[in-house]
Amino acid sequence: MEIVIIEKKAFEALLSGVGALTEKVSALHERCDDKRMSNWLDGENVCRLLHISPRTLQTLRDNRLIGFSQINRKFYYKPDEVERLLPVVDRFRTERDNP
């Protein structure tokens, strides 16, 4: 085990820096609280809700008709974006598509 000795002044500066960082992280967490991943939908859920295929969802992304966030190779969508698209997708359905 290695023991490190630092001056009291340096230790207090370190503690105040950690305290300031903690406050900033807490403030950011509160500001971004609505962006929790639990509130977001993945592509499979969106396809099921809109009754569309994954390829159609990709076309909506490509044409910038739906907002999304991508983490690695997976896409996530805000529920309000999906709700906004419900009337648009229904307009493009043919009679054959409706049960």
Protein backbone atom coordinates (compact mmCIF):
# COMPACT_ATOMS: atom_id res chain seq x y z
CA MET A 1 0.00 0.00 0.00
CA GLU A 2 1.22 3.45 -0.90
CA ILE A 3 0.66 6.47 1.34
CA VAL A 4 0.43 9.93 -0.18
CA ILE A 5 0.78 13.03 1.96
CA ILE A 6 -0.51 16.39 0.72
CA GLU A 7 -0.72 19.80 2.34
CA LYS A 8 -3.93 20.80 4.07
CA LYS A 9 -4.39 23.72 1.66
CA ALA A 10 -4.18 21.40 -1.38
CA PHE A 11 -6.60 18.94 0.23
CA GLU A 12 -9.15 21.71 0.91
CA ALA A 13 -8.81 22.96 -2.66
CA LEU A 14 -9.42 19.42 -3.91
CA LEU A 15 -12.54 19.10 -1.71
CA SER A 16 -13.95 22.43 -2.89
CA GLY A 17 -13.33 21.40 -6.51
CA VAL A 18 -15.17 18.12 -5.98
CA GLY A 19 -18.02 20.02 -4.28
CA ALA A 20 -18.31 22.44 -7.21
CA LEU A 21 -18.31 19.54 -9.68
CA THR A 22 -21.03 17.78 -7.68
CA GLU A 23 -23.20 20.91 -7.77
CA LYS A 24 -22.76 21.28 -11.54
CA VAL A 25 -23.64 17.65 -12.17
CA SER A 26 -26.74 17.97 -9.98
CA ALA A 27 -27.83 21.11 -11.85
CA LEU A 28 -27.36 19.39 -15.21
CA HIS A 29 -29.28 16.36 -13.99
CA GLU A 30 -32.23 18.53 -12.95
CA ARG A 31 -32.15 20.44 -16.25
CA CYS A 32 -32.08 17.29 -18.34
CA ASP A 33 -34.50 15.28 -16.24
CA ASP A 34 -37.04 14.95 -19.09
CA LYS A 35 -34.43 13.28 -21.25
CA ARG A 36 -34.31 10.05 -19.28
CA MET A 37 -33.99 7.04 -21.49
CA SER A 38 -36.94 5.41 -19.74
CA ASN A 39 -39.19 8.00 -21.41
CA TRP A 40 -37.82 7.28 -24.89
CA LEU A 41 -39.09 4.58 -27.25
CA ASP A 42 -36.94 2.26 -29.33
CA GLY A 43 -37.58 1.51 -33.00
CA GLU A 44 -39.53 -1.66 -32.32
CA ASN A 45 -41.99 0.16 -30.06
CA VAL A 46 -42.41 2.99 -32.57
CA CYS A 47 -43.11 0.55 -35.41
CA ARG A 48 -45.71 -1.20 -33.28
CA LEU A 49 -47.41 2.06 -32.23
CA LEU A 50 -47.50 3.52 -35.74
CA HIS A 51 -48.20 0.18 -37.47
CA ILE A 52 -45.28 0.68 -39.85
CA SER A 53 -42.31 -1.42 -40.92
CA PRO A 54 -38.72 -0.76 -39.81
CA ARG A 55 -37.93 0.34 -43.37
CA THR A 56 -40.70 2.95 -43.26
CA LEU A 57 -39.32 4.20 -39.95
CA GLN A 58 -35.89 4.50 -41.56
CA THR A 59 -37.43 6.52 -44.40
CA LEU A 60 -39.03 8.85 -41.85
CA ARG A 61 -35.60 9.34 -40.26
CA ASP A 62 -33.89 9.83 -43.62
CA ASN A 63 -36.44 12.48 -44.64
CA ARG A 64 -36.13 14.13 -41.22
CA LEU A 65 -39.82 13.67 -40.47
CA ILE A 66 -39.14 12.22 -37.02
CA GLY A 67 -36.59 13.32 -34.48
CA PHE A 68 -34.37 10.67 -32.94
CA SER A 69 -31.23 10.01 -30.95
CA GLN A 70 -28.79 7.27 -31.79
CA ILE A 71 -26.73 5.38 -29.23
CA ASN A 72 -24.33 2.98 -30.90
CA ARG A 73 -26.46 1.23 -33.53
CA LYS A 74 -29.84 1.73 -31.84
CA PHE A 75 -32.28 4.58 -32.43
CA TYR A 76 -34.52 6.14 -29.78
CA TYR A 77 -37.54 8.40 -30.21
CA LYS A 78 -39.38 10.79 -27.91
CA PRO A 79 -43.02 9.85 -27.29
CA ASP A 80 -44.21 13.32 -28.37
CA GLU A 81 -42.49 12.85 -31.74
CA VAL A 82 -44.40 9.61 -32.24
CA GLU A 83 -47.69 11.26 -31.23
CA ARG A 84 -47.01 14.08 -33.68
CA LEU A 85 -46.61 11.55 -36.49
CA LEU A 86 -49.80 9.56 -35.80
CA PRO A 87 -52.07 11.74 -38.01
CA VAL A 88 -49.41 12.00 -40.73
CA VAL A 89 -48.95 8.23 -40.98
CA ASP A 90 -52.72 7.65 -40.94
CA ARG A 91 -53.13 10.03 -43.89
CA PHE A 92 -50.84 7.88 -46.05
CA ARG A 93 -52.55 4.58 -45.31
CA THR A 94 -54.44 2.99 -48.13
CA GLU A 95 -57.75 1.19 -47.72
CA ARG A 96 -55.93 -2.11 -48.07
CA ASP A 97 -53.69 -1.24 -45.08
CA ASN A 98 -56.62 -0.58 -42.75
CA PRO A 99 -58.09 -3.71 -41.11
